[in-house]
C-alpha atoms as a PDB file:
ATOM      1  CA  MET A   1      52.604 -37.602 124.167  1.00  0.00           C
ATOM      2  CA  ILE A   2      56.200 -37.462 123.007  1.00  0.00           C
ATOM      3  CA  LYS A   3      57.930 -40.831 122.762  1.00  0.00           C
ATOM      4  CA  LEU A   4      61.624 -41.115 123.461  1.00  0.00           C
ATOM      5  CA  PRO A   5      63.737 -42.983 120.910  1.00  0.00           C
ATOM      6  CA  ILE A   6      64.011 -46.753 121.309  1.00  0.00           C
ATOM      7  CA  GLY A   7      66.470 -47.580 124.070  1.00  0.00           C
ATOM      8  CA  ALA A   8      66.065 -44.261 125.890  1.00  0.00           C
ATOM      9  CA  ASP A   9      64.654 -44.627 129.397  1.00  0.00           C
ATOM     10  CA  ILE A  10      63.292 -41.516 131.101  1.00  0.00           C
ATOM     11  CA  ASN A  11      64.331 -42.648 134.589  1.00  0.00           C
ATOM     12  CA  ASN A  12      67.914 -43.245 133.487  1.00  0.00           C
ATOM     13  CA  ILE A  13      67.978 -39.873 131.721  1.00  0.00           C
ATOM     14  CA  ILE A  14      66.741 -38.093 134.847  1.00  0.00           C
ATOM     15  CA  ASP A  15      69.337 -39.896 136.973  1.00  0.00           C
ATOM     16  CA  ASN A  16      72.056 -38.739 134.584  1.00  0.00           C
ATOM     17  CA  LEU A  17      70.737 -35.171 134.541  1.00  0.00           C
ATOM     18  CA  ARG A  18      70.724 -35.140 138.334  1.00  0.00           C
ATOM     19  CA  SER A  19      74.355 -36.263 138.376  1.00  0.00           C
ATOM     20  CA  ILE A  20      75.337 -33.659 135.775  1.00  0.00           C
ATOM     21  CA  SER A  21      73.596 -30.936 137.773  1.00  0.00           C
ATOM     22  CA  TRP A  22      75.427 -31.573 141.029  1.00  0.00           C
ATOM     23  CA  GLU A  23      78.762 -31.750 139.213  1.00  0.00           C
ATOM     24  CA  ALA A  24      77.959 -28.369 137.642  1.00  0.00           C
ATOM     25  CA  SER A  25      76.961 -27.044 141.056  1.00  0.00           C
ATOM     26  CA  ASP A  26      80.338 -27.984 142.540  1.00  0.00           C
ATOM     27  CA  ILE A  27      82.177 -26.136 139.772  1.00  0.00           C
ATOM     28  CA  LEU A  28      80.005 -23.021 139.987  1.00  0.00           C
ATOM     29  CA  GLN A  29      80.241 -22.831 143.773  1.00  0.00           C
ATOM     30  CA  TYR A  30      84.010 -23.290 143.663  1.00  0.00           C
ATOM     31  CA  PHE A  31      84.472 -20.292 141.370  1.00  0.00           C
ATOM     32  CA  SER A  32      81.814 -18.284 143.206  1.00  0.00           C
ATOM     33  CA  ASN A  33      83.758 -18.734 146.430  1.00  0.00           C
ATOM     34  CA  LEU A  34      86.974 -17.638 144.721  1.00  0.00           C
ATOM     35  CA  ILE A  35      85.296 -14.446 143.553  1.00  0.00           C
ATOM     36  CA  LYS A  36      83.872 -13.751 147.019  1.00  0.00           C
ATOM     37  CA  GLU A  37      87.302 -14.258 148.546  1.00  0.00           C
ATOM     38  CA  ASN A  38      88.840 -11.980 145.882  1.00  0.00           C
ATOM     39  CA  LYS A  39      91.237 -14.697 144.816  1.00  0.00           C
ATOM     40  CA  ASN A  40      92.284 -14.603 141.144  1.00  0.00           C
ATOM     41  CA  HIS A  41      89.236 -12.454 140.395  1.00  0.00           C
ATOM     42  CA  GLU A  42      90.706 -11.092 137.173  1.00  0.00           C
ATOM     43  CA  ASN A  43      91.701 -14.540 135.947  1.00  0.00           C
ATOM     44  CA  ILE A  44      88.175 -15.899 136.451  1.00  0.00           C
ATOM     45  CA  ILE A  45      86.620 -13.265 134.183  1.00  0.00           C
ATOM     46  CA  GLN A  46      87.839 -14.453 130.801  1.00  0.00           C
ATOM     47  CA  PHE A  47      86.092 -11.937 128.532  1.00  0.00           C
ATOM     48  CA  LYS A  48      85.168  -8.540 129.887  1.00  0.00           C
ATOM     49  CA  ASP A  49      82.379  -7.489 127.527  1.00  0.00           C
ATOM     50  CA  LYS A  50      80.182  -5.440 129.901  1.00  0.00           C
ATOM     51  CA  ASN A  51      77.010  -6.746 128.251  1.00  0.00           C
ATOM     52  CA  SER A  52      78.012 -10.406 127.981  1.00  0.00           C
ATOM     53  CA  PRO A  53      80.890 -11.247 130.319  1.00  0.00           C
ATOM     54  CA  VAL A  54      82.231 -14.806 130.280  1.00  0.00           C
ATOM     55  CA  THR A  55      83.936 -16.407 133.240  1.00  0.00           C
ATOM     56  CA  LEU A  56      86.100 -19.444 133.643  1.00  0.00           C
ATOM     57  CA  ALA A  57      83.116 -20.977 135.457  1.00  0.00           C
ATOM     58  CA  ASP A  58      81.000 -20.687 132.262  1.00  0.00           C
ATOM     59  CA  LEU A  59      83.665 -22.497 130.282  1.00  0.00           C
ATOM     60  CA  LYS A  60      84.396 -25.240 132.825  1.00  0.00           C
ATOM     61  CA  VAL A  61      80.721 -26.063 133.372  1.00  0.00           C
ATOM     62  CA  ASN A  62      80.112 -26.044 129.623  1.00  0.00           C
ATOM     63  CA  GLU A  63      83.000 -28.465 129.123  1.00  0.00           C
ATOM     64  CA  LYS A  64      81.754 -30.782 131.885  1.00  0.00           C
ATOM     65  CA  ILE A  65      78.140 -30.875 130.640  1.00  0.00           C
ATOM     66  CA  ILE A  66      79.153 -31.659 127.063  1.00  0.00           C
ATOM     67  CA  GLN A  67      81.553 -34.324 128.291  1.00  0.00           C
ATOM     68  CA  ARG A  68      78.747 -35.992 130.269  1.00  0.00           C
ATOM     69  CA  ILE A  69      76.196 -35.700 127.452  1.00  0.00           C
ATOM     70  CA  ASN A  70      78.631 -37.417 125.126  1.00  0.00           C
ATOM     71  CA  GLN A  71      79.298 -40.057 127.772  1.00  0.00           C
ATOM     72  CA  TYR A  72      75.643 -40.800 128.571  1.00  0.00           C
ATOM     73  CA  PHE A  73      73.770 -40.066 125.356  1.00  0.00           C
ATOM     74  CA  SER A  74      76.126 -40.152 122.354  1.00  0.00           C
ATOM     75  CA  HIS A  75      74.610 -43.421 121.042  1.00  0.00           C
ATOM     76  CA  PHE A  76      71.306 -41.614 120.416  1.00  0.00           C
ATOM     77  CA  GLY A  77      72.887 -39.087 118.067  1.00  0.00           C
ATOM     78  CA  TRP A  78      71.200 -36.120 119.745  1.00  0.00           C
ATOM     79  CA  GLY A  79      72.549 -32.692 118.836  1.00  0.00           C
ATOM     80  CA  ILE A  80      74.007 -30.089 121.192  1.00  0.00           C
ATOM     81  CA  LEU A  81      73.481 -26.328 121.208  1.00  0.00           C
ATOM     82  CA  SER A  82      75.604 -24.548 123.796  1.00  0.00           C
ATOM     83  CA  GLU A  83      75.761 -20.830 124.477  1.00  0.00           C
ATOM     84  CA  GLU A  84      79.518 -20.852 124.987  1.00  0.00           C
ATOM     85  CA  ASN A  85      80.223 -22.978 121.906  1.00  0.00           C
ATOM     86  CA  GLU A  86      77.958 -20.774 119.799  1.00  0.00           C
ATOM     87  CA  ASN A  87      79.741 -17.640 121.029  1.00  0.00           C
ATOM     88  CA  PHE A  88      83.106 -18.948 119.877  1.00  0.00           C
ATOM     89  CA  ASP A  89      82.175 -21.194 116.959  1.00  0.00           C
ATOM     90  CA  SER A  90      78.828 -20.773 115.203  1.00  0.00           C
ATOM     91  CA  ASN A  91      79.452 -23.982 113.204  1.00  0.00           C
ATOM     92  CA  GLN A  92      78.391 -26.384 115.943  1.00  0.00           C
ATOM     93  CA  PRO A  93      77.459 -29.743 114.396  1.00  0.00           C
ATOM     94  CA  ASN A  94      73.875 -30.995 114.714  1.00  0.00           C
ATOM     95  CA  LYS A  95      72.621 -27.800 116.394  1.00  0.00           C
ATOM     96  CA  PHE A  96      69.373 -28.052 114.427  1.00  0.00           C
ATOM     97  CA  SER A  97      68.753 -31.727 115.248  1.00  0.00           C
ATOM     98  CA  GLU A  98      65.256 -33.092 115.908  1.00  0.00           C
ATOM     99  CA  TRP A  99      66.417 -33.985 119.424  1.00  0.00           C
ATOM    100  CA  LEU A 100      68.674 -31.243 120.773  1.00  0.00           C
ATOM    101  CA  TRP A 101      70.362 -30.552 124.089  1.00  0.00           C
ATOM    102  CA  VAL A 102      70.253 -26.802 124.776  1.00  0.00           C
ATOM    103  CA  ILE A 103      72.829 -25.629 127.328  1.00  0.00           C
ATOM    104  CA  ASP A 104      73.388 -22.428 129.251  1.00  0.00           C
ATOM    105  CA  PRO A 105      76.185 -23.329 131.681  1.00  0.00           C
ATOM    106  CA  LEU A 106      75.804 -20.087 133.628  1.00  0.00           C
ATOM    107  CA  ASP A 107      72.681 -17.968 133.292  1.00  0.00           C
ATOM    108  CA  GLY A 108      73.120 -14.732 135.199  1.00  0.00           C
ATOM    109  CA  THR A 109      76.862 -14.268 134.776  1.00  0.00           C
ATOM    110  CA  LYS A 110      76.730 -10.645 135.961  1.00  0.00           C
ATOM    111  CA  ASP A 111      75.026 -11.722 139.183  1.00  0.00           C
ATOM    112  CA  PHE A 112      77.570 -14.521 139.520  1.00  0.00           C
ATOM    113  CA  ILE A 113      80.382 -11.962 139.361  1.00  0.00           C
ATOM    114  CA  GLN A 114      78.512  -9.604 141.708  1.00  0.00           C
ATOM    115  CA  GLY A 115      78.002 -12.400 144.238  1.00  0.00           C
ATOM    116  CA  THR A 116      74.205 -12.113 144.530  1.00  0.00           C
ATOM    117  CA  GLY A 117      73.527 -15.839 144.195  1.00  0.00           C
ATOM    118  CA  ASN A 118      70.967 -15.213 141.427  1.00  0.00           C
ATOM    119  CA  TYR A 119      72.593 -17.458 138.842  1.00  0.00           C
ATOM    120  CA  ALA A 120      71.639 -20.825 137.409  1.00  0.00           C
ATOM    121  CA  MET A 121      72.595 -23.615 135.045  1.00  0.00           C
ATOM    122  CA  HIS A 122      70.066 -24.437 132.302  1.00  0.00           C
ATOM    123  CA  LEU A 123      69.908 -27.737 130.465  1.00  0.00           C
ATOM    124  CA  ALA A 124      66.989 -28.697 128.219  1.00  0.00           C
ATOM    125  CA  LEU A 125      66.256 -31.467 125.764  1.00  0.00           C
ATOM    126  CA  ASN A 126      64.235 -30.015 122.901  1.00  0.00           C
ATOM    127  CA  TYR A 127      62.199 -32.155 120.518  1.00  0.00           C
ATOM    128  CA  ARG A 128      61.365 -30.607 117.163  1.00  0.00           C
ATOM    129  CA  ASN A 129      62.208 -27.145 118.498  1.00  0.00           C
ATOM    130  CA  LYS A 130      60.045 -27.452 121.621  1.00  0.00           C
ATOM    131  CA  PRO A 131      61.397 -27.905 125.167  1.00  0.00           C
ATOM    132  CA  TYR A 132      60.627 -31.418 126.408  1.00  0.00           C
ATOM    133  CA  LEU A 133      62.854 -32.092 129.427  1.00  0.00           C
ATOM    134  CA  GLY A 134      64.273 -29.300 131.547  1.00  0.00           C
ATOM    135  CA  VAL A 135      66.801 -28.737 134.323  1.00  0.00           C
ATOM    136  CA  VAL A 136      67.347 -25.486 136.198  1.00  0.00           C
ATOM    137  CA  LEU A 137      70.092 -25.710 138.803  1.00  0.00           C
ATOM    138  CA  ILE A 138      70.375 -22.930 141.408  1.00  0.00           C
ATOM    139  CA  PRO A 139      73.602 -23.596 143.342  1.00  0.00           C
ATOM    140  CA  SER A 140      73.173 -20.818 145.914  1.00  0.00           C
ATOM    141  CA  LYS A 141      69.928 -22.466 147.077  1.00  0.00           C
ATOM    142  CA  LYS A 142      71.403 -25.962 146.745  1.00  0.00           C
ATOM    143  CA  GLU A 143      68.443 -26.975 144.605  1.00  0.00           C
ATOM    144  CA  VAL A 144      67.757 -28.362 141.164  1.00  0.00           C
ATOM    145  CA  TRP A 145      64.441 -28.140 139.318  1.00  0.00           C
ATOM    146  CA  LEU A 146      63.638 -31.072 137.041  1.00  0.00           C
ATOM    147  CA  SER A 147      60.871 -31.707 134.522  1.00  0.00           C
ATOM    148  CA  ASP A 148      60.416 -35.102 132.909  1.00  0.00           C
ATOM    149  CA  GLY A 149      57.713 -33.794 130.567  1.00  0.00           C
ATOM    150  CA  GLU A 150      54.876 -34.859 132.858  1.00  0.00           C
ATOM    151  CA  LYS A 151      55.715 -33.449 136.280  1.00  0.00           C
ATOM    152  CA  VAL A 152      58.044 -30.931 137.903  1.00  0.00           C
ATOM    153  CA  TRP A 153      59.832 -31.237 141.187  1.00  0.00           C
ATOM    154  CA  VAL A 154      62.618 -29.566 143.134  1.00  0.00           C
ATOM    155  CA  GLU A 155      65.412 -31.607 144.712  1.00  0.00           C
ATOM    156  CA  LYS A 156      67.994 -30.927 147.357  1.00  0.00           C
ATOM    157  CA  ARG A 157      71.314 -32.692 147.377  1.00  0.00           C
ATOM    158  CA  ASN A 158      70.344 -34.698 150.465  1.00  0.00           C
ATOM    159  CA  GLY A 159      67.628 -36.404 148.420  1.00  0.00           C
ATOM    160  CA  TYR A 160      64.696 -34.246 149.517  1.00  0.00           C
ATOM    161  CA  LYS A 161      62.113 -33.915 146.714  1.00  0.00           C
ATOM    162  CA  GLU A 162      58.962 -31.845 146.406  1.00  0.00           C
ATOM    163  CA  GLU A 163      56.644 -31.958 143.415  1.00  0.00           C
ATOM    164  CA  LYS A 164      55.237 -28.603 142.308  1.00  0.00           C
ATOM    165  CA  THR A 165      51.960 -27.733 140.602  1.00  0.00           C
ATOM    166  CA  LEU A 166      50.726 -24.196 139.952  1.00  0.00           C
ATOM    167  CA  THR A 167      47.099 -23.457 140.850  1.00  0.00           C
ATOM    168  CA  THR A 168      47.166 -19.720 141.620  1.00  0.00           C
ATOM    169  CA  ASN A 169      44.532 -17.512 139.962  1.00  0.00           C
ATOM    170  CA  LYS A 170      45.230 -13.783 140.281  1.00  0.00           C
ATOM    171  CA  SER A 171      44.293 -10.651 138.394  1.00  0.00           C
ATOM    172  CA  LEU A 172      47.091  -8.598 136.843  1.00  0.00           C
ATOM    173  CA  ASN A 173      47.089  -6.003 139.630  1.00  0.00           C
ATOM    174  CA  GLU A 174      47.222  -8.714 142.293  1.00  0.00           C
ATOM    175  CA  MET A 175      50.366 -10.203 140.823  1.00  0.00           C
ATOM    176  CA  THR A 176      53.931  -9.991 142.080  1.00  0.00           C
ATOM    177  CA  LEU A 177      56.322  -9.227 139.228  1.00  0.00           C
ATOM    178  CA  VAL A 178      59.820 -10.671 139.091  1.00  0.00           C
ATOM    179  CA  THR A 179      62.012  -8.571 136.837  1.00  0.00           C
ATOM    180  CA  SER A 180      65.600  -8.263 135.709  1.00  0.00           C
ATOM    181  CA  LYS A 181      68.357  -6.804 137.803  1.00  0.00           C
ATOM    182  CA  ASN A 182      70.893  -6.186 135.051  1.00  0.00           C
ATOM    183  CA  HIS A 183      68.818  -6.168 131.850  1.00  0.00           C
ATOM    184  CA  SER A 184      66.218  -3.465 132.359  1.00  0.00           C
ATOM    185  CA  ASN A 185      65.326  -0.564 130.045  1.00  0.00           C
ATOM    186  CA  GLN A 186      63.139   2.520 130.218  1.00  0.00           C
ATOM    187  CA  LEU A 187      60.303   1.111 128.093  1.00  0.00           C
ATOM    188  CA  LEU A 188      59.965  -1.895 130.374  1.00  0.00           C
ATOM    189  CA  ASN A 189      60.148   0.347 133.438  1.00  0.00           C
ATOM    190  CA  ASN A 190      57.366   2.535 132.024  1.00  0.00           C
ATOM    191  CA  LEU A 191      55.193  -0.506 131.370  1.00  0.00           C
ATOM    192  CA  ILE A 192      55.751  -1.845 134.877  1.00  0.00           C
ATOM    193  CA  HIS A 193      54.834   1.546 136.330  1.00  0.00           C
ATOM    194  CA  LYS A 194      51.559   1.677 134.365  1.00  0.00           C
ATOM    195  CA  ILE A 195      50.503  -1.862 135.260  1.00  0.00           C
ATOM    196  CA  LYS A 196      50.830  -1.164 138.997  1.00  0.00           C
ATOM    197  CA  PHE A 197      51.736  -4.639 140.145  1.00  0.00           C
ATOM    198  CA  LYS A 198      51.058  -5.479 143.786  1.00  0.00           C
ATOM    199  CA  LYS A 199      54.769  -6.054 144.351  1.00  0.00           C
ATOM    200  CA  LYS A 200      58.026  -6.155 142.411  1.00  0.00           C
ATOM    201  CA  ILE A 201      60.974  -8.471 143.015  1.00  0.00           C
ATOM    202  CA  VAL A 202      64.288  -7.815 141.273  1.00  0.00           C
ATOM    203  CA  MET A 203      66.722 -10.644 140.558  1.00  0.00           C
ATOM    204  CA  GLY A 204      69.074 -11.969 137.914  1.00  0.00           C
ATOM    205  CA  SER A 205      68.846 -15.149 135.815  1.00  0.00           C
ATOM    206  CA  ILE A 206      65.742 -16.191 133.920  1.00  0.00           C
ATOM    207  CA  GLY A 207      66.018 -19.612 135.535  1.00  0.00           C
ATOM    208  CA  CYS A 208      65.939 -18.073 138.998  1.00  0.00           C
ATOM    209  CA  LYS A 209      62.944 -15.933 138.025  1.00  0.00           C
ATOM    210  CA  ILE A 210      60.942 -18.863 136.672  1.00  0.00           C
ATOM    211  CA  ALA A 211      61.802 -20.928 139.749  1.00  0.00           C
ATOM    212  CA  SER A 212      60.484 -18.075 141.912  1.00  0.00           C
ATOM    213  CA  ILE A 213      57.176 -18.265 140.003  1.00  0.00           C
ATOM    214  CA  ILE A 214      56.892 -22.017 140.564  1.00  0.00           C
ATOM    215  CA  ARG A 215      57.729 -21.584 144.268  1.00  0.00           C
ATOM    216  CA  GLY A 216      54.899 -19.053 144.547  1.00  0.00           C
ATOM    217  CA  GLU A 217      57.156 -16.133 145.466  1.00  0.00           C
ATOM    218  CA  SER A 218      56.176 -14.297 142.268  1.00  0.00           C
ATOM    219  CA  ASP A 219      53.493 -14.605 139.593  1.00  0.00           C
ATOM    220  CA  ILE A 220      54.715 -13.045 136.358  1.00  0.00           C
ATOM    221  CA  TYR A 221      57.895 -12.208 134.442  1.00  0.00           C
ATOM    222  CA  ILE A 222      58.116  -9.880 131.435  1.00  0.00           C
ATOM    223  CA  SER A 223      61.066  -9.642 129.060  1.00  0.00           C
ATOM    224  CA  LEU A 224      61.145  -6.646 126.714  1.00  0.00           C
ATOM    225  CA  CYS A 225      64.116  -6.272 124.396  1.00  0.00           C
ATOM    226  CA  LEU A 226      64.809  -3.302 122.148  1.00  0.00           C
ATOM    227  CA  GLU A 227      66.451  -3.192 118.756  1.00  0.00           C
ATOM    228  CA  GLY A 228      70.142  -2.551 119.186  1.00  0.00           C
ATOM    229  CA  GLU A 229      70.280  -4.430 122.475  1.00  0.00           C
ATOM    230  CA  SER A 230      71.369  -7.998 123.065  1.00  0.00           C
ATOM    231  CA  PHE A 231      68.423 -10.391 122.882  1.00  0.00           C
ATOM    232  CA  PRO A 232      67.858 -13.411 125.083  1.00  0.00           C
ATOM    233  CA  LYS A 233      68.521 -16.651 123.255  1.00  0.00           C
ATOM    234  CA  ASP A 234      67.120 -20.177 123.075  1.00  0.00           C
ATOM    235  CA  TRP A 235      69.373 -21.335 125.907  1.00  0.00           C
ATOM    236  CA  ASP A 236      67.995 -18.606 128.188  1.00  0.00           C
ATOM    237  CA  PHE A 237      64.409 -19.853 127.864  1.00  0.00           C
ATOM    238  CA  ALA A 238      64.377 -23.556 126.909  1.00  0.00           C
ATOM    239  CA  ALA A 239      64.932 -25.145 130.327  1.00  0.00           C
ATOM    240  CA  PRO A 240      62.892 -22.533 132.252  1.00  0.00           C
ATOM    241  CA  GLU A 241      60.010 -23.013 129.795  1.00  0.00           C
ATOM    242  CA  ALA A 242      60.157 -26.791 130.233  1.00  0.00           C
ATOM    243  CA  ILE A 243      59.731 -26.599 134.008  1.00  0.00           C
ATOM    244  CA  LEU A 244      57.177 -23.759 133.979  1.00  0.00           C
ATOM    245  CA  LYS A 245      54.855 -25.298 131.388  1.00  0.00           C
ATOM    246  CA  THR A 246      54.942 -28.702 133.030  1.00  0.00           C
ATOM    247  CA  ALA A 247      54.109 -27.102 136.389  1.00  0.00           C
ATOM    248  CA  GLY A 248      51.015 -25.465 134.889  1.00  0.00           C
ATOM    249  CA  GLY A 249      52.311 -22.045 133.903  1.00  0.00           C
ATOM    250  CA  ARG A 250      52.824 -20.642 130.449  1.00  0.00           C
ATOM    251  CA  ILE A 251      55.401 -18.584 128.557  1.00  0.00           C
ATOM    252  CA  THR A 252      54.662 -16.895 125.217  1.00  0.00           C
ATOM    253  CA  ASN A 253      55.093 -13.679 123.312  1.00  0.00           C
ATOM    254  CA  LEU A 254      52.547 -10.919 123.913  1.00  0.00           C
ATOM    255  CA  GLU A 255      50.288 -12.381 121.212  1.00  0.00           C
ATOM    256  CA  ASN A 256      50.014 -15.575 123.280  1.00  0.00           C
ATOM    257  CA  GLU A 257      52.056 -17.430 120.658  1.00  0.00           C
ATOM    258  CA  GLU A 258      54.508 -20.081 121.828  1.00  0.00           C
ATOM    259  CA  LEU A 259      58.201 -19.249 121.645  1.00  0.00           C
ATOM    260  CA  VAL A 260      59.886 -20.392 118.451  1.00  0.00           C
ATOM    261  CA  TYR A 261      63.200 -22.193 118.932  1.00  0.00           C
ATOM    262  CA  GLY A 262      65.810 -23.099 116.381  1.00  0.00           C
ATOM    263  CA  LYS A 263      65.782 -19.862 114.378  1.00  0.00           C
ATOM    264  CA  PRO A 264      69.072 -19.153 112.583  1.00  0.00           C
ATOM    265  CA  ASN A 265      70.302 -16.635 115.179  1.00  0.00           C
ATOM    266  CA  PHE A 266      68.506 -18.234 118.180  1.00  0.00           C
ATOM    267  CA  ASN A 267      67.171 -14.812 119.234  1.00  0.00           C
ATOM    268  CA  GLN A 268      64.031 -14.506 121.359  1.00  0.00           C
ATOM    269  CA  ARG A 269      62.900 -11.033 120.335  1.00  0.00           C
ATOM    270  CA  GLY A 270      60.148  -8.698 121.465  1.00  0.00           C
ATOM    271  CA  ILE A 271      57.939  -8.962 124.538  1.00  0.00           C
ATOM    272  CA  ILE A 272      57.874 -12.311 126.315  1.00  0.00           C
ATOM    273  CA  VAL A 273      55.490 -13.020 129.180  1.00  0.00           C
ATOM    274  CA  ALA A 274      55.699 -15.888 131.662  1.00  0.00           C
ATOM    275  CA  THR A 275      52.862 -16.444 134.144  1.00  0.00           C
ATOM    276  CA  ASN A 276      51.825 -18.929 136.794  1.00  0.00           C
ATOM    277  CA  ASN A 277      48.535 -20.000 135.183  1.00  0.00           C
ATOM    278  CA  LYS A 278      48.136 -21.402 131.671  1.00  0.00           C
ATOM    279  CA  PHE A 279      44.382 -20.849 131.803  1.00  0.00           C
ATOM    280  CA  THR A 280      44.503 -17.100 132.534  1.00  0.00           C
ATOM    281  CA  HIS A 281      47.710 -16.380 130.612  1.00  0.00           C
ATOM    282  CA  LYS A 282      45.967 -15.262 127.414  1.00  0.00           C
ATOM    283  CA  ASP A 283      43.820 -12.735 129.315  1.00  0.00           C
ATOM    284  CA  ILE A 284      46.901 -11.383 131.089  1.00  0.00           C
ATOM    285  CA  CYS A 285      48.610 -10.830 127.720  1.00  0.00           C
ATOM    286  CA  ILE A 286      45.505  -9.034 126.389  1.00  0.00           C
ATOM    287  CA  GLN A 287      45.421  -6.753 129.433  1.00  0.00           C
ATOM    288  CA  ILE A 288      49.111  -5.874 129.037  1.00  0.00           C
ATOM    289  CA  LYS A 289      48.541  -5.047 125.346  1.00  0.00           C
ATOM    290  CA  GLN A 290      45.638  -2.784 126.274  1.00  0.00           C
ATOM    291  CA  ILE A 291      47.750  -0.911 128.816  1.00  0.00           C
ATOM    292  CA  ILE A 292      50.487  -0.404 126.213  1.00  0.00           C
ATOM    293  CA  LYS A 293      47.994   0.961 123.670  1.00  0.00           C
ATOM    294  CA  GLU A 294      45.973   3.114 126.092  1.00  0.00           C
ATOM    295  CA  ASN A 295      49.111   4.803 127.395  1.00  0.00           C
ATOM    296  CA  ASN A 296      50.843   4.948 124.001  1.00  0.00           C
ATOM    297  CA  LEU A 297      53.960   3.466 125.582  1.00  0.00           C
ATOM    298  CA  PHE A 298      55.448   2.138 122.349  1.00  0.00           C
ATOM    299  CA  SER A 299      54.476   0.567 119.049  1.00  0.00           C
ATOM    300  CA  LEU A 300      53.563  -3.116 119.065  1.00  0.00           C
ATOM    301  CA  ASN A 301      54.298  -3.476 115.334  1.00  0.00           C
END
């Protein structure tokens, strides 16, 4: 059981995270509407790297979250790791702190620009490089997922709350896969084809994918990144891992080893598997490895 520092109250923290989330939602929906209405579309997209675009929404939400963290939590001396700050200044202070806020102000920027609604805000509090508290905000669904380290629930802005616990037990071939819309590659496609999932759902944002697993719409997510491609980072996985693990799921590499946060480049390399059942997760990883080897899809070394 992780103990918060003296003076930190979990209920107050959750209240503050809820407030931060709905402020972020307002900003994201404002810019999303501008894009849909084709108003100032070019001005909203600040950096036009086709692999990692950045919008004004990313920057405004990032600014607001950091402002609120400093307002609510600065007396604890917790560090901050933000995707946008890291992109523009890798010398962020305290980014390897024992207690660390990990921020992705807009996960699924391509989907945000495309208007699909599959985008999210991630905010996690890591303790000793492990996600402890997690927030995944999905503005298009007007919902925020919160984990206080012991339970997970989804909230609507009107105050509606529903606690979520995963109990599903399915074999690999009975599972519904949720996979990336904008970050696919041929090796992953080949693996998916060989596994023969019952169903495949395609969407953007890791946060949206993990939320779909907790809702019961899907059962498994696989990330496979190749050398030479952009890798997902700590801020892509920290908050989604916090809510999934607390709900009863699990996320690891293919060797069933927990994700390692706080590495110098913050990369999450290789094959990452998220499932809806922590008890069967290891067996699912073993089965996927066997399929890779039997079909000689690629080297696991």
